Amino acid sequence: MIRRVVLNPHAIPWDDRDAMNIPAMSGVALKSHRVLLRPYGVHDIDDLYEAAIESVETVYPWLSWCCPNYTRTDSEKWINDRSGEWAAGRAFSFLIADPTTGRFVGGCGLNHISQEYRMANLGYWVRRSAMGQGYAPAATRLLARFGLKELDLNRIEIVAALENRASQRAAEKAGAFREGVLRSRLTIHGKVHDAVMYSMIPSDFREYPQ
């Protein structure tokens, strides 16, 4: 069941763009033959911590949260915050699991959501031991469909540092459209990076069916 909510209760809505379809967090699971996406729960704290520690060398250069001093408390706090962020329409975070084994292989989510322009940023990461196995493109595809169809967004953006070729390959394999290079778009660990902008819109899914 999808409920209709106003993201900013203090705003004066002037048309339907001020509202967003937000499905109940507990009722969402996205699955293909390659991946299962589901919201995080408290039972995932240890798996998230283990995957993050395993992946510091590969993830930390691009995502500062996965740092050498990352702790289990960091995992616990982050997971406990997910339900509030989801209910407020600020971020929709999913665990990426193998659909056959249930193994935790990474995470993905929609954030930086623009109520006015009906668009969101899509991000993803895959643990070191699961890289190169097709999880990130499959998760990106499922999550983009969720954002465009279930949340009624007009546009999904993926922004990857120019040097982050693995993230770019995942976006391209998912069918995202490469729009170009944005100069000085990202700052990571205090260093400014040019970034590649990718996008996905509803018509992309008519051209490239799931």
N, C-alpha and C. Protein backbone atom coordinates (compact mmCIF):
# COMPACT_ATOMS: atom_id res chain seq x y z
N MET A 1 0.84 -1.19 0.00
CA MET A 1 0.00 0.00 0.00
C MET A 1 0.88 1.25 0.00
N ILE A 2 0.58 2.20 -0.87
CA ILE A 2 1.34 3.43 -0.97
C ILE A 2 0.54 4.55 -0.35
N ARG A 3 1.19 5.32 0.51
CA ARG A 3 0.51 6.45 1.11
C ARG A 3 1.08 7.74 0.56
N ARG A 4 0.26 8.74 0.44
CA ARG A 4 0.63 10.02 -0.14
C ARG A 4 0.94 10.98 1.00
N VAL A 5 2.14 11.57 0.98
CA VAL A 5 2.51 12.47 2.06
C VAL A 5 3.10 13.74 1.49
N VAL A 6 3.03 14.80 2.26
CA VAL A 6 3.69 16.05 1.92
C VAL A 6 5.03 16.06 2.63
N LEU A 7 6.13 16.21 1.87
CA LEU A 7 7.45 16.13 2.46
C LEU A 7 7.71 17.25 3.46
N ASN A 8 7.28 18.45 3.15
CA ASN A 8 7.48 19.59 4.04
C ASN A 8 6.12 20.06 4.53
N PRO A 9 5.72 19.72 5.74
CA PRO A 9 4.38 20.05 6.22
C PRO A 9 4.16 21.54 6.36
N HIS A 10 5.23 22.35 6.37
CA HIS A 10 5.08 23.79 6.53
C HIS A 10 4.99 24.53 5.20
N ALA A 11 5.24 23.80 4.10
CA ALA A 11 5.17 24.43 2.79
C ALA A 11 3.72 24.55 2.34
N ILE A 12 3.46 25.48 1.46
CA ILE A 12 2.13 25.63 0.87
C ILE A 12 2.16 24.96 -0.49
N PRO A 13 1.55 23.78 -0.62
CA PRO A 13 1.63 23.06 -1.89
C PRO A 13 0.95 23.86 -2.99
N TRP A 14 1.60 23.94 -4.15
CA TRP A 14 0.97 24.63 -5.26
C TRP A 14 0.61 23.70 -6.40
N ASP A 15 1.15 22.49 -6.38
CA ASP A 15 0.69 21.45 -7.29
C ASP A 15 1.18 20.11 -6.77
N ASP A 16 0.99 19.08 -7.58
CA ASP A 16 1.27 17.72 -7.12
C ASP A 16 2.75 17.46 -6.89
N ARG A 17 3.64 18.33 -7.33
CA ARG A 17 5.06 18.10 -7.15
C ARG A 17 5.50 18.25 -5.70
N ASP A 18 4.64 18.81 -4.85
CA ASP A 18 4.98 18.96 -3.45
C ASP A 18 4.68 17.70 -2.65
N ALA A 19 4.20 16.65 -3.33
CA ALA A 19 3.86 15.41 -2.63
C ALA A 19 4.68 14.27 -3.22
N MET A 20 4.88 13.25 -2.42
CA MET A 20 5.70 12.13 -2.86
C MET A 20 5.06 10.83 -2.39
N ASN A 21 5.10 9.85 -3.26
CA ASN A 21 4.61 8.53 -2.88
C ASN A 21 5.66 7.82 -2.05
N ILE A 22 5.33 7.48 -0.80
CA ILE A 22 6.29 6.79 0.06
C ILE A 22 5.68 5.48 0.54
N PRO A 23 6.15 4.35 0.01
CA PRO A 23 5.64 3.07 0.50
C PRO A 23 6.18 2.80 1.90
N ALA A 24 5.42 2.05 2.67
CA ALA A 24 5.87 1.70 4.02
C ALA A 24 7.18 0.92 3.93
N MET A 25 8.15 1.30 4.75
CA MET A 25 9.48 0.70 4.69
C MET A 25 9.43 -0.81 4.87
N SER A 26 8.59 -1.28 5.76
CA SER A 26 8.54 -2.71 6.07
C SER A 26 7.97 -3.54 4.94
N GLY A 27 7.30 -2.89 3.99
CA GLY A 27 6.67 -3.66 2.92
C GLY A 27 7.43 -3.67 1.61
N VAL A 28 8.66 -3.19 1.61
CA VAL A 28 9.41 -3.05 0.36
C VAL A 28 10.51 -4.11 0.26
N ALA A 29 10.53 -4.81 -0.84
CA ALA A 29 11.64 -5.71 -1.18
C ALA A 29 11.71 -5.73 -2.70
N LEU A 30 12.90 -5.52 -3.24
CA LEU A 30 13.09 -5.48 -4.69
C LEU A 30 14.01 -6.63 -5.07
N LYS A 31 13.60 -7.42 -6.06
CA LYS A 31 14.37 -8.63 -6.35
C LYS A 31 14.46 -8.86 -7.85
N SER A 32 15.63 -9.30 -8.28
CA SER A 32 15.84 -9.80 -9.64
C SER A 32 16.59 -11.12 -9.52
N HIS A 33 16.96 -11.70 -10.63
CA HIS A 33 17.70 -12.96 -10.57
C HIS A 33 19.08 -12.75 -9.97
N ARG A 34 19.57 -11.49 -9.96
CA ARG A 34 20.94 -11.23 -9.52
C ARG A 34 21.04 -10.68 -8.11
N VAL A 35 20.07 -9.87 -7.68
CA VAL A 35 20.16 -9.24 -6.36
C VAL A 35 18.81 -9.17 -5.66
N LEU A 36 18.90 -9.03 -4.35
CA LEU A 36 17.75 -8.72 -3.51
C LEU A 36 18.07 -7.43 -2.78
N LEU A 37 17.18 -6.45 -2.87
CA LEU A 37 17.31 -5.21 -2.13
C LEU A 37 16.22 -5.16 -1.08
N ARG A 38 16.61 -4.88 0.15
CA ARG A 38 15.62 -4.74 1.23
C ARG A 38 16.10 -3.68 2.21
N PRO A 39 15.18 -3.05 2.94
CA PRO A 39 15.60 -2.09 3.97
C PRO A 39 16.43 -2.76 5.05
N TYR A 40 17.29 -1.98 5.69
CA TYR A 40 18.12 -2.49 6.79
C TYR A 40 17.27 -2.73 8.04
N GLY A 41 17.72 -3.68 8.85
CA GLY A 41 17.13 -3.93 10.16
C GLY A 41 18.25 -4.06 11.19
N VAL A 42 17.89 -4.07 12.46
CA VAL A 42 18.92 -4.14 13.51
C VAL A 42 19.72 -5.43 13.43
N HIS A 43 19.15 -6.47 12.85
CA HIS A 43 19.86 -7.74 12.71
C HIS A 43 20.98 -7.66 11.66
N ASP A 44 21.06 -6.54 10.95
CA ASP A 44 22.10 -6.37 9.93
C ASP A 44 23.33 -5.61 10.42
N ILE A 45 23.33 -5.20 11.67
CA ILE A 45 24.42 -4.36 12.19
C ILE A 45 25.77 -5.05 12.04
N ASP A 46 25.87 -6.28 12.48
CA ASP A 46 27.15 -6.98 12.42
C ASP A 46 27.60 -7.25 10.99
N ASP A 47 26.65 -7.57 10.11
CA ASP A 47 27.01 -7.82 8.71
C ASP A 47 27.51 -6.54 8.04
N LEU A 48 26.87 -5.42 8.33
CA LEU A 48 27.32 -4.15 7.77
C LEU A 48 28.72 -3.81 8.27
N TYR A 49 28.94 -3.98 9.56
CA TYR A 49 30.25 -3.69 10.13
C TYR A 49 31.33 -4.57 9.49
N GLU A 50 31.06 -5.85 9.38
CA GLU A 50 32.03 -6.79 8.80
C GLU A 50 32.36 -6.42 7.35
N ALA A 51 31.32 -6.09 6.57
CA ALA A 51 31.53 -5.75 5.16
C ALA A 51 32.30 -4.44 5.02
N ALA A 52 32.02 -3.48 5.89
CA ALA A 52 32.71 -2.19 5.83
C ALA A 52 34.19 -2.36 6.15
N ILE A 53 34.49 -3.09 7.21
CA ILE A 53 35.89 -3.29 7.60
C ILE A 53 36.66 -4.01 6.49
N GLU A 54 36.01 -4.98 5.88
CA GLU A 54 36.63 -5.72 4.77
C GLU A 54 36.95 -4.80 3.58
N SER A 55 36.18 -3.72 3.43
CA SER A 55 36.19 -2.94 2.19
C SER A 55 36.83 -1.56 2.31
N VAL A 56 37.48 -1.28 3.43
CA VAL A 56 38.06 0.06 3.62
C VAL A 56 38.99 0.43 2.46
N GLU A 57 39.81 -0.49 2.04
CA GLU A 57 40.79 -0.19 1.00
C GLU A 57 40.14 0.19 -0.33
N THR A 58 39.00 -0.42 -0.66
CA THR A 58 38.36 -0.17 -1.95
C THR A 58 37.27 0.90 -1.89
N VAL A 59 36.61 1.06 -0.76
CA VAL A 59 35.49 2.00 -0.65
C VAL A 59 35.92 3.37 -0.12
N TYR A 60 36.82 3.39 0.85
CA TYR A 60 37.19 4.65 1.50
C TYR A 60 37.72 5.72 0.54
N PRO A 61 38.44 5.38 -0.53
CA PRO A 61 38.90 6.43 -1.44
C PRO A 61 37.77 7.26 -2.04
N TRP A 62 36.53 6.70 -2.06
CA TRP A 62 35.41 7.39 -2.70
C TRP A 62 34.28 7.72 -1.75
N LEU A 63 34.16 6.99 -0.65
CA LEU A 63 33.09 7.21 0.32
C LEU A 63 33.72 7.32 1.70
N SER A 64 33.69 8.52 2.27
CA SER A 64 34.47 8.79 3.49
C SER A 64 33.94 8.07 4.72
N TRP A 65 32.68 7.62 4.71
CA TRP A 65 32.14 6.95 5.90
C TRP A 65 32.85 5.61 6.17
N CYS A 66 33.31 4.95 5.11
CA CYS A 66 33.93 3.63 5.26
C CYS A 66 35.42 3.83 5.54
N CYS A 67 35.70 4.30 6.74
CA CYS A 67 37.04 4.76 7.09
C CYS A 67 37.79 3.71 7.92
N PRO A 68 39.11 3.86 8.05
CA PRO A 68 39.89 2.88 8.81
C PRO A 68 39.46 2.73 10.27
N ASN A 69 38.93 3.79 10.87
CA ASN A 69 38.51 3.70 12.27
C ASN A 69 37.00 3.48 12.42
N TYR A 70 36.37 2.94 11.39
CA TYR A 70 34.95 2.62 11.42
C TYR A 70 34.67 1.60 12.53
N THR A 71 33.58 1.80 13.27
CA THR A 71 33.26 0.92 14.41
C THR A 71 31.89 0.29 14.27
N ARG A 72 31.65 -0.73 15.08
CA ARG A 72 30.32 -1.34 15.10
C ARG A 72 29.27 -0.32 15.55
N THR A 73 29.64 0.59 16.43
CA THR A 73 28.71 1.63 16.88
C THR A 73 28.27 2.51 15.71
N ASP A 74 29.19 2.76 14.78
CA ASP A 74 28.83 3.52 13.58
C ASP A 74 27.76 2.78 12.77
N SER A 75 27.92 1.47 12.63
CA SER A 75 26.92 0.67 11.93
C SER A 75 25.58 0.72 12.64
N GLU A 76 25.61 0.58 13.94
CA GLU A 76 24.38 0.58 14.73
C GLU A 76 23.64 1.91 14.59
N LYS A 77 24.36 3.00 14.73
CA LYS A 77 23.72 4.32 14.64
C LYS A 77 23.13 4.54 13.25
N TRP A 78 23.89 4.21 12.24
CA TRP A 78 23.42 4.44 10.88
C TRP A 78 22.15 3.64 10.59
N ILE A 79 22.15 2.37 10.97
CA ILE A 79 20.97 1.54 10.72
C ILE A 79 19.77 2.03 11.52
N ASN A 80 20.00 2.44 12.75
CA ASN A 80 18.89 2.93 13.56
C ASN A 80 18.28 4.21 13.02
N ASP A 81 19.04 4.96 12.25
CA ASP A 81 18.53 6.21 11.67
C ASP A 81 17.74 6.00 10.37
N ARG A 82 17.80 4.81 9.80
CA ARG A 82 17.22 4.60 8.47
C ARG A 82 15.71 4.78 8.45
N SER A 83 15.01 4.29 9.46
CA SER A 83 13.54 4.36 9.42
C SER A 83 13.04 5.79 9.45
N GLY A 84 13.69 6.65 10.23
CA GLY A 84 13.28 8.04 10.29
C GLY A 84 13.54 8.77 8.99
N GLU A 85 14.70 8.49 8.37
CA GLU A 85 15.02 9.12 7.09
C GLU A 85 14.03 8.67 6.01
N TRP A 86 13.66 7.39 6.05
CA TRP A 86 12.70 6.86 5.07
C TRP A 86 11.34 7.52 5.27
N ALA A 87 10.84 7.54 6.47
CA ALA A 87 9.50 8.09 6.74
C ALA A 87 9.41 9.56 6.35
N ALA A 88 10.52 10.30 6.51
CA ALA A 88 10.52 11.72 6.17
C ALA A 88 10.75 11.97 4.68
N GLY A 89 11.05 10.92 3.93
CA GLY A 89 11.29 11.08 2.51
C GLY A 89 12.64 11.69 2.19
N ARG A 90 13.58 11.62 3.14
CA ARG A 90 14.90 12.22 2.91
C ARG A 90 15.89 11.23 2.28
N ALA A 91 15.75 9.96 2.58
CA ALA A 91 16.67 8.95 2.03
C ALA A 91 16.00 7.59 2.08
N PHE A 92 16.24 6.80 1.04
CA PHE A 92 15.70 5.45 0.95
C PHE A 92 16.88 4.50 0.78
N SER A 93 17.24 3.83 1.86
CA SER A 93 18.45 3.02 1.91
C SER A 93 18.12 1.53 1.86
N PHE A 94 18.91 0.80 1.09
CA PHE A 94 18.69 -0.62 0.90
C PHE A 94 19.98 -1.41 1.09
N LEU A 95 19.85 -2.55 1.70
CA LEU A 95 20.91 -3.54 1.77
C LEU A 95 20.89 -4.33 0.46
N ILE A 96 22.06 -4.61 -0.10
CA ILE A 96 22.16 -5.46 -1.28
C ILE A 96 22.55 -6.86 -0.81
N ALA A 97 21.73 -7.84 -1.15
CA ALA A 97 22.01 -9.22 -0.76
C ALA A 97 21.98 -10.13 -1.98
N ASP A 98 22.69 -11.23 -1.88
CA ASP A 98 22.58 -12.27 -2.90
C ASP A 98 21.22 -12.95 -2.73
N PRO A 99 20.41 -13.05 -3.78
CA PRO A 99 19.05 -13.59 -3.63
C PRO A 99 19.01 -15.07 -3.30
N THR A 100 20.09 -15.78 -3.58
CA THR A 100 20.12 -17.22 -3.33
C THR A 100 20.61 -17.54 -1.92
N THR A 101 21.69 -16.89 -1.52
CA THR A 101 22.31 -17.20 -0.22
C THR A 101 21.90 -16.23 0.89
N GLY A 102 21.43 -15.05 0.50
CA GLY A 102 21.11 -14.03 1.50
C GLY A 102 22.33 -13.27 2.00
N ARG A 103 23.49 -13.53 1.44
CA ARG A 103 24.72 -12.89 1.91
C ARG A 103 24.68 -11.38 1.70
N PHE A 104 25.14 -10.64 2.68
CA PHE A 104 25.26 -9.20 2.59
C PHE A 104 26.41 -8.88 1.63
N VAL A 105 26.09 -8.18 0.53
CA VAL A 105 27.14 -7.86 -0.43
C VAL A 105 27.37 -6.36 -0.60
N GLY A 106 26.53 -5.52 -0.02
CA GLY A 106 26.74 -4.07 -0.14
C GLY A 106 25.51 -3.28 0.21
N GLY A 107 25.51 -2.03 -0.24
CA GLY A 107 24.38 -1.15 0.05
C GLY A 107 24.15 -0.17 -1.08
N CYS A 108 22.94 0.37 -1.15
CA CYS A 108 22.60 1.37 -2.15
C CYS A 108 21.48 2.23 -1.59
N GLY A 109 21.25 3.36 -2.23
CA GLY A 109 20.19 4.22 -1.72
C GLY A 109 19.93 5.42 -2.60
N LEU A 110 18.79 6.05 -2.35
CA LEU A 110 18.41 7.31 -2.99
C LEU A 110 18.47 8.39 -1.93
N ASN A 111 19.16 9.49 -2.22
CA ASN A 111 19.25 10.59 -1.27
C ASN A 111 19.33 11.92 -2.04
N HIS A 112 19.60 13.01 -1.31
CA HIS A 112 19.61 14.35 -1.93
C HIS A 112 18.37 14.53 -2.81
N ILE A 113 17.24 14.19 -2.25
CA ILE A 113 15.99 14.21 -3.01
C ILE A 113 15.45 15.64 -3.14
N SER A 114 15.16 16.03 -4.37
CA SER A 114 14.59 17.35 -4.63
C SER A 114 13.08 17.21 -4.78
N GLN A 115 12.37 17.79 -3.86
CA GLN A 115 10.91 17.79 -3.92
C GLN A 115 10.42 18.61 -5.10
N GLU A 116 11.07 19.73 -5.35
CA GLU A 116 10.62 20.63 -6.41
C GLU A 116 10.81 20.04 -7.80
N TYR A 117 11.98 19.41 -8.02
CA TYR A 117 12.29 18.91 -9.36
C TYR A 117 12.07 17.41 -9.50
N ARG A 118 11.65 16.75 -8.46
CA ARG A 118 11.35 15.32 -8.46
C ARG A 118 12.54 14.52 -9.00
N MET A 119 13.66 14.69 -8.32
CA MET A 119 14.86 13.98 -8.72
C MET A 119 15.63 13.55 -7.47
N ALA A 120 16.54 12.61 -7.64
CA ALA A 120 17.32 12.10 -6.50
C ALA A 120 18.67 11.62 -6.98
N ASN A 121 19.62 11.57 -6.06
CA ASN A 121 20.92 10.96 -6.29
C ASN A 121 20.85 9.48 -5.94
N LEU A 122 21.51 8.67 -6.73
CA LEU A 122 21.57 7.23 -6.45
C LEU A 122 23.03 6.86 -6.19
N GLY A 123 23.27 6.19 -5.07
CA GLY A 123 24.61 5.75 -4.72
C GLY A 123 24.64 4.27 -4.40
N TYR A 124 25.83 3.67 -4.49
CA TYR A 124 25.97 2.24 -4.22
C TYR A 124 27.40 1.92 -3.83
N TRP A 125 27.56 0.82 -3.12
CA TRP A 125 28.88 0.28 -2.82
C TRP A 125 28.75 -1.22 -2.67
N VAL A 126 29.82 -1.93 -2.99
CA VAL A 126 29.83 -3.39 -2.89
C VAL A 126 31.07 -3.81 -2.11
N ARG A 127 30.91 -4.74 -1.20
CA ARG A 127 32.03 -5.18 -0.39
C ARG A 127 33.14 -5.77 -1.28
N ARG A 128 34.35 -5.70 -0.77
CA ARG A 128 35.52 -6.05 -1.59
C ARG A 128 35.42 -7.45 -2.19
N SER A 129 34.99 -8.42 -1.40
CA SER A 129 34.97 -9.81 -1.88
C SER A 129 33.85 -10.10 -2.86
N ALA A 130 32.95 -9.12 -3.08
CA ALA A 130 31.84 -9.32 -4.02
C ALA A 130 31.94 -8.42 -5.24
N MET A 131 33.03 -7.68 -5.37
CA MET A 131 33.19 -6.77 -6.50
C MET A 131 33.35 -7.55 -7.81
N GLY A 132 32.89 -6.93 -8.90
CA GLY A 132 33.05 -7.52 -10.22
C GLY A 132 32.14 -8.69 -10.52
N GLN A 133 31.09 -8.87 -9.73
CA GLN A 133 30.18 -10.00 -9.91
C GLN A 133 28.79 -9.57 -10.37
N GLY A 134 28.64 -8.30 -10.74
CA GLY A 134 27.38 -7.83 -11.30
C GLY A 134 26.35 -7.34 -10.30
N TYR A 135 26.71 -7.27 -9.03
CA TYR A 135 25.74 -6.83 -8.03
C TYR A 135 25.39 -5.34 -8.16
N ALA A 136 26.40 -4.50 -8.36
CA ALA A 136 26.14 -3.05 -8.40
C ALA A 136 25.25 -2.65 -9.58
N PRO A 137 25.50 -3.11 -10.82
CA PRO A 137 24.60 -2.75 -11.91
C PRO A 137 23.17 -3.24 -11.70
N ALA A 138 23.03 -4.46 -11.21
CA ALA A 138 21.69 -5.00 -10.98
C ALA A 138 20.96 -4.22 -9.90
N ALA A 139 21.67 -3.87 -8.82
CA ALA A 139 21.05 -3.09 -7.75
C ALA A 139 20.67 -1.70 -8.24
N THR A 140 21.54 -1.09 -9.04
CA THR A 140 21.26 0.24 -9.58
C THR A 140 20.00 0.22 -10.43
N ARG A 141 19.87 -0.78 -11.24
CA ARG A 141 18.70 -0.90 -12.12
C ARG A 141 17.41 -1.02 -11.29
N LEU A 142 17.42 -1.90 -10.31
CA LEU A 142 16.23 -2.09 -9.48
C LEU A 142 15.88 -0.82 -8.70
N LEU A 143 16.89 -0.20 -8.13
CA LEU A 143 16.65 0.98 -7.30
C LEU A 143 16.16 2.16 -8.14
N ALA A 144 16.71 2.33 -9.33
CA ALA A 144 16.24 3.40 -10.21
C ALA A 144 14.77 3.19 -10.59
N ARG A 145 14.40 1.98 -10.88
CA ARG A 145 12.99 1.68 -11.20
C ARG A 145 12.09 2.01 -10.01
N PHE A 146 12.55 1.68 -8.80
CA PHE A 146 11.79 1.99 -7.59
C PHE A 146 11.59 3.50 -7.47
N GLY A 147 12.66 4.27 -7.68
CA GLY A 147 12.55 5.71 -7.55
C GLY A 147 11.64 6.33 -8.59
N LEU A 148 11.76 5.88 -9.83
CA LEU A 148 10.98 6.48 -10.91
C LEU A 148 9.52 6.03 -10.89
N LYS A 149 9.29 4.77 -10.51
CA LYS A 149 7.93 4.25 -10.53
C LYS A 149 7.21 4.43 -9.21
N GLU A 150 7.81 3.96 -8.12
CA GLU A 150 7.12 3.98 -6.83
C GLU A 150 7.16 5.35 -6.16
N LEU A 151 8.26 6.08 -6.33
CA LEU A 151 8.35 7.41 -5.73
C LEU A 151 7.94 8.50 -6.70
N ASP A 152 7.66 8.12 -7.93
CA ASP A 152 7.17 9.06 -8.94
C ASP A 152 8.18 10.17 -9.23
N LEU A 153 9.46 9.82 -9.23
CA LEU A 153 10.49 10.79 -9.57
C LEU A 153 10.62 10.92 -11.08
N ASN A 154 11.15 12.05 -11.53
CA ASN A 154 11.36 12.29 -12.95
C ASN A 154 12.77 11.95 -13.41
N ARG A 155 13.70 11.93 -12.45
CA ARG A 155 15.11 11.80 -12.84
C ARG A 155 15.92 11.22 -11.69
N ILE A 156 16.80 10.29 -12.02
CA ILE A 156 17.76 9.74 -11.07
C ILE A 156 19.15 10.13 -11.56
N GLU A 157 20.00 10.63 -10.67
CA GLU A 157 21.36 10.99 -11.02
C GLU A 157 22.36 10.09 -10.31
N ILE A 158 23.43 9.75 -11.01
CA ILE A 158 24.56 9.03 -10.44
C ILE A 158 25.80 9.87 -10.73
N VAL A 159 26.51 10.26 -9.69
CA VAL A 159 27.69 11.11 -9.84
C VAL A 159 28.90 10.34 -9.32
N ALA A 160 29.87 10.11 -10.19
CA ALA A 160 31.06 9.34 -9.82
C ALA A 160 32.31 10.14 -10.13
N ALA A 161 33.26 10.12 -9.21
CA ALA A 161 34.53 10.80 -9.45
C ALA A 161 35.16 10.28 -10.74
N LEU A 162 35.80 11.17 -11.48
CA LEU A 162 36.36 10.82 -12.77
C LEU A 162 37.35 9.65 -12.67
N GLU A 163 38.04 9.54 -11.54
CA GLU A 163 39.00 8.46 -11.35
C GLU A 163 38.35 7.15 -10.88
N ASN A 164 37.10 7.21 -10.52
CA ASN A 164 36.42 6.03 -9.98
C ASN A 164 35.79 5.23 -11.12
N ARG A 165 36.63 4.49 -11.81
CA ARG A 165 36.17 3.76 -12.98
C ARG A 165 35.21 2.62 -12.62
N ALA A 166 35.39 2.00 -11.48
CA ALA A 166 34.49 0.89 -11.10
C ALA A 166 33.06 1.38 -10.97
N SER A 167 32.86 2.53 -10.34
CA SER A 167 31.52 3.08 -10.19
C SER A 167 30.93 3.47 -11.54
N GLN A 168 31.77 4.01 -12.41
CA GLN A 168 31.29 4.37 -13.75
C GLN A 168 30.88 3.14 -14.55
N ARG A 169 31.66 2.07 -14.46
CA ARG A 169 31.30 0.85 -15.17
C ARG A 169 29.96 0.30 -14.69
N ALA A 170 29.73 0.37 -13.39
CA ALA A 170 28.46 -0.12 -12.84
C ALA A 170 27.28 0.68 -13.38
N ALA A 171 27.44 2.01 -13.42
CA ALA A 171 26.37 2.86 -13.95
C ALA A 171 26.09 2.55 -15.41
N GLU A 172 27.16 2.38 -16.18
CA GLU A 172 27.00 2.11 -17.61
C GLU A 172 26.35 0.75 -17.86
N LYS A 173 26.76 -0.26 -17.09
CA LYS A 173 26.16 -1.59 -17.23
C LYS A 173 24.69 -1.59 -16.82
N ALA A 174 24.32 -0.68 -15.94
CA ALA A 174 22.91 -0.56 -15.51
C ALA A 174 22.06 0.13 -16.55
N GLY A 175 22.69 0.71 -17.57
CA GLY A 175 21.95 1.41 -18.61
C GLY A 175 21.80 2.89 -18.38
N ALA A 176 22.56 3.45 -17.41
CA ALA A 176 22.48 4.89 -17.16
C ALA A 176 23.11 5.65 -18.33
N PHE A 177 22.60 6.84 -18.58
CA PHE A 177 23.06 7.68 -19.68
C PHE A 177 24.18 8.60 -19.21
N ARG A 178 25.32 8.55 -19.88
CA ARG A 178 26.46 9.40 -19.52
C ARG A 178 26.26 10.79 -20.11
N GLU A 179 26.09 11.77 -19.25
CA GLU A 179 25.80 13.12 -19.71
C GLU A 179 27.06 13.96 -19.91
N GLY A 180 28.12 13.67 -19.18
CA GLY A 180 29.34 14.43 -19.35
C GLY A 180 30.12 14.57 -18.06
N VAL A 181 31.18 15.36 -18.11
CA VAL A 181 32.05 15.57 -16.96
C VAL A 181 31.74 16.92 -16.33
N LEU A 182 31.55 16.91 -15.02
CA LEU A 182 31.29 18.13 -14.26
C LEU A 182 32.59 18.52 -13.56
N ARG A 183 33.06 19.71 -13.81
CA ARG A 183 34.32 20.15 -13.23
C ARG A 183 34.18 20.46 -11.75
N SER A 184 35.14 19.99 -10.97
CA SER A 184 35.20 20.27 -9.52
C SER A 184 33.87 19.99 -8.83
N ARG A 185 33.26 18.87 -9.16
CA ARG A 185 31.92 18.55 -8.65
C ARG A 185 31.95 17.90 -7.27
N LEU A 186 33.01 17.14 -6.96
CA LEU A 186 33.07 16.42 -5.70
C LEU A 186 34.30 16.83 -4.89
N THR A 187 34.13 16.83 -3.58
CA THR A 187 35.26 16.99 -2.68
C THR A 187 35.33 15.75 -1.79
N ILE A 188 36.42 15.00 -1.90
CA ILE A 188 36.58 13.76 -1.16
C ILE A 188 37.89 13.83 -0.38
N HIS A 189 37.80 13.69 0.94
CA HIS A 189 38.98 13.79 1.80
C HIS A 189 39.74 15.10 1.57
N GLY A 190 38.99 16.16 1.33
CA GLY A 190 39.60 17.47 1.16
C GLY A 190 40.14 17.75 -0.22
N LYS A 191 40.07 16.79 -1.13
CA LYS A 191 40.56 16.97 -2.49
C LYS A 191 39.40 17.14 -3.45
N VAL A 192 39.50 18.11 -4.34
CA VAL A 192 38.45 18.38 -5.32
C VAL A 192 38.62 17.47 -6.53
N HIS A 193 37.50 16.87 -6.97
CA HIS A 193 37.52 15.95 -8.11
C HIS A 193 36.52 16.39 -9.17
N ASP A 194 36.90 16.25 -10.43
CA ASP A 194 35.91 16.29 -11.49
C ASP A 194 35.08 15.01 -11.38
N ALA A 195 33.86 15.05 -11.90
CA ALA A 195 32.98 13.89 -11.77
C ALA A 195 32.20 13.65 -13.05
N VAL A 196 31.85 12.40 -13.28
CA VAL A 196 31.02 12.03 -14.42
C VAL A 196 29.57 11.97 -13.95
N MET A 197 28.69 12.63 -14.71
CA MET A 197 27.26 12.63 -14.40
C MET A 197 26.55 11.62 -15.29
N TYR A 198 25.78 10.73 -14.65
CA TYR A 198 24.90 9.81 -15.35
C TYR A 198 23.47 10.09 -14.93
N SER A 199 22.53 9.74 -15.77
CA SER A 199 21.12 9.92 -15.41
C SER A 199 20.29 8.75 -15.90
N MET A 200 19.15 8.57 -15.23
CA MET A 200 18.16 7.58 -15.64
C MET A 200 16.80 8.25 -15.51
N ILE A 201 15.98 8.12 -16.55
CA ILE A 201 14.64 8.70 -16.57
C ILE A 201 13.65 7.62 -16.99
N PRO A 202 12.34 7.84 -16.82
CA PRO A 202 11.38 6.77 -17.09
C PRO A 202 11.48 6.16 -18.48
N SER A 203 11.75 6.94 -19.51
CA SER A 203 11.81 6.39 -20.86
C SER A 203 12.96 5.40 -21.04
N ASP A 204 13.99 5.49 -20.20
CA ASP A 204 15.10 4.54 -20.29
C ASP A 204 14.63 3.11 -20.04
N PHE A 205 13.60 2.97 -19.23
CA PHE A 205 13.14 1.63 -18.88
C PHE A 205 12.19 1.05 -19.93
N ARG A 206 11.71 1.91 -20.81
CA ARG A 206 10.97 1.37 -21.96
C ARG A 206 11.94 0.88 -23.02
N GLU A 207 13.11 1.55 -23.08
CA GLU A 207 14.11 1.16 -24.07
C GLU A 207 14.89 -0.07 -23.62
N TYR A 208 15.14 -0.13 -22.29
CA TYR A 208 15.91 -1.25 -21.73
C TYR A 208 15.07 -1.94 -20.67
N PRO A 209 14.13 -2.81 -21.07
CA PRO A 209 13.26 -3.44 -20.08
C PRO A 209 14.04 -4.33 -19.11
N GLN A 210 13.48 -4.45 -17.89
CA GLN A 210 14.12 -5.29 -16.85
C GLN A 210 14.11 -6.74 -17.30
